[in-house]
Amino acid sequence: MEIKIGIQNIGREIVLESAQDADAVATVVQEAITKGTDLRLKDDKGRIIIVPGNALGYVEIGAEEARKVGFGQF
């Protein structure tokens, strides 16, 4: 699933693909905002993204969708 993170006073957002489910990501984001802790997310390539919780502008969590492979009819 695609996750977009907006940071206060930064014009560019962070975009990452993650295998975590939407509810788990929403829980981690909520905890980072309420407690002021760092937001830590792991992407598909194993990288860890860390953003200070007090610097978050927004977090957009994409829909969980299986990727389609090959050519198909729409």
C-alpha atoms as a PDB file:
ATOM      1  CA  MET A   1       0.000   0.000   0.000  1.00  0.00           C
ATOM      2  CA  GLU A   2       1.161   3.533  -0.689  1.00  0.00           C
ATOM      3  CA  ILE A   3       1.726   5.914   2.229  1.00  0.00           C
ATOM      4  CA  LYS A   4       2.287   9.662   1.785  1.00  0.00           C
ATOM      5  CA  ILE A   5       3.689  11.713   4.659  1.00  0.00           C
ATOM      6  CA  GLY A   6       3.525  15.489   4.686  1.00  0.00           C
ATOM      7  CA  ILE A   7       5.911  17.333   6.985  1.00  0.00           C
ATOM      8  CA  GLN A   8       5.270  20.821   8.356  1.00  0.00           C
ATOM      9  CA  ASN A   9       7.122  23.620   6.549  1.00  0.00           C
ATOM     10  CA  ILE A  10       8.446  21.194   3.894  1.00  0.00           C
ATOM     11  CA  GLY A  11       7.048  21.452   0.374  1.00  0.00           C
ATOM     12  CA  ARG A  12       7.796  17.890  -0.627  1.00  0.00           C
ATOM     13  CA  GLU A  13       6.082  14.809   0.774  1.00  0.00           C
ATOM     14  CA  ILE A  14       7.595  11.415   1.566  1.00  0.00           C
ATOM     15  CA  VAL A  15       6.066   8.564  -0.448  1.00  0.00           C
ATOM     16  CA  LEU A  16       6.687   4.922   0.370  1.00  0.00           C
ATOM     17  CA  GLU A  17       5.255   1.492  -0.357  1.00  0.00           C
ATOM     18  CA  SER A  18       4.640  -0.690   2.670  1.00  0.00           C
ATOM     19  CA  ALA A  19       3.351  -4.211   3.278  1.00  0.00           C
ATOM     20  CA  GLN A  20       1.851  -3.180   6.646  1.00  0.00           C
ATOM     21  CA  ASP A  21      -1.927  -3.098   6.838  1.00  0.00           C
ATOM     22  CA  ALA A  22      -3.818   0.205   7.025  1.00  0.00           C
ATOM     23  CA  ASP A  23      -5.021  -0.274  10.604  1.00  0.00           C
ATOM     24  CA  ALA A  24      -1.490  -0.907  11.903  1.00  0.00           C
ATOM     25  CA  VAL A  25      -0.161   2.193  10.136  1.00  0.00           C
ATOM     26  CA  ALA A  26      -3.055   4.327  11.428  1.00  0.00           C
ATOM     27  CA  THR A  27      -2.355   3.139  14.984  1.00  0.00           C
ATOM     28  CA  VAL A  28       1.354   4.015  14.726  1.00  0.00           C
ATOM     29  CA  VAL A  29       0.539   7.438  13.258  1.00  0.00           C
ATOM     30  CA  GLN A  30      -2.038   8.189  15.970  1.00  0.00           C
ATOM     31  CA  GLU A  31       0.433   7.198  18.672  1.00  0.00           C
ATOM     32  CA  ALA A  32       3.154   9.423  17.183  1.00  0.00           C
ATOM     33  CA  ILE A  33       0.787  12.398  17.080  1.00  0.00           C
ATOM     34  CA  THR A  34      -0.728  12.015  20.553  1.00  0.00           C
ATOM     35  CA  LYS A  35       2.444  11.064  22.422  1.00  0.00           C
ATOM     36  CA  GLY A  36       4.827  13.220  20.372  1.00  0.00           C
ATOM     37  CA  THR A  37       7.070  10.243  19.618  1.00  0.00           C
ATOM     38  CA  ASP A  38       8.824   9.516  16.334  1.00  0.00           C
ATOM     39  CA  LEU A  39       6.805   7.982  13.505  1.00  0.00           C
ATOM     40  CA  ARG A  40       8.665   4.854  12.360  1.00  0.00           C
ATOM     41  CA  LEU A  41       7.531   3.000   9.249  1.00  0.00           C
ATOM     42  CA  LYS A  42       9.218   0.232   7.265  1.00  0.00           C
ATOM     43  CA  ASP A  43       8.930   0.159   3.469  1.00  0.00           C
ATOM     44  CA  ASP A  44       8.884  -2.793   1.065  1.00  0.00           C
ATOM     45  CA  LYS A  45      12.661  -2.624   0.589  1.00  0.00           C
ATOM     46  CA  GLY A  46      13.363  -2.915   4.311  1.00  0.00           C
ATOM     47  CA  ARG A  47      14.255   0.745   4.849  1.00  0.00           C
ATOM     48  CA  ILE A  48      13.005   2.461   8.001  1.00  0.00           C
ATOM     49  CA  ILE A  49      11.553   5.958   7.675  1.00  0.00           C
ATOM     50  CA  ILE A  50      11.616   8.049  10.860  1.00  0.00           C
ATOM     51  CA  VAL A  51       9.748  11.350  11.167  1.00  0.00           C
ATOM     52  CA  PRO A  52       9.382  13.341  14.414  1.00  0.00           C
ATOM     53  CA  GLY A  53       5.741  13.122  15.535  1.00  0.00           C
ATOM     54  CA  ASN A  54       5.512  16.847  16.259  1.00  0.00           C
ATOM     55  CA  ALA A  55       6.592  17.669  12.668  1.00  0.00           C
ATOM     56  CA  LEU A  56       3.822  15.684  10.941  1.00  0.00           C
ATOM     57  CA  GLY A  57       1.525  17.686   8.694  1.00  0.00           C
ATOM     58  CA  TYR A  58      -0.548  14.788   7.381  1.00  0.00           C
ATOM     59  CA  VAL A  59      -0.363  11.085   6.594  1.00  0.00           C
ATOM     60  CA  GLU A  60      -2.311   9.658   3.658  1.00  0.00           C
ATOM     61  CA  ILE A  61      -2.805   5.902   3.801  1.00  0.00           C
ATOM     62  CA  GLY A  62      -3.668   4.347   0.433  1.00  0.00           C
ATOM     63  CA  ALA A  63      -6.116   1.523  -0.074  1.00  0.00           C
ATOM     64  CA  GLU A  64      -4.849  -2.000   0.333  1.00  0.00           C
ATOM     65  CA  GLU A  65      -4.909  -3.423  -3.150  1.00  0.00           C
ATOM     66  CA  ALA A  66      -3.292  -6.420  -4.784  1.00  0.00           C
ATOM     67  CA  ARG A  67      -1.013  -5.375  -7.621  1.00  0.00           C
ATOM     68  CA  LYS A  68      -1.964  -6.495 -11.076  1.00  0.00           C
ATOM     69  CA  VAL A  69       0.715  -8.091 -13.192  1.00  0.00           C
ATOM     70  CA  GLY A  70       0.741  -8.122 -16.969  1.00  0.00           C
ATOM     71  CA  PHE A  71      -1.708  -6.726 -19.447  1.00  0.00           C
ATOM     72  CA  GLY A  72      -5.392  -6.913 -18.775  1.00  0.00           C
ATOM     73  CA  GLN A  73      -8.600  -5.532 -20.087  1.00  0.00           C
ATOM     74  CA  PHE A  74     -10.209  -2.692 -18.212  1.00  0.00           C
END
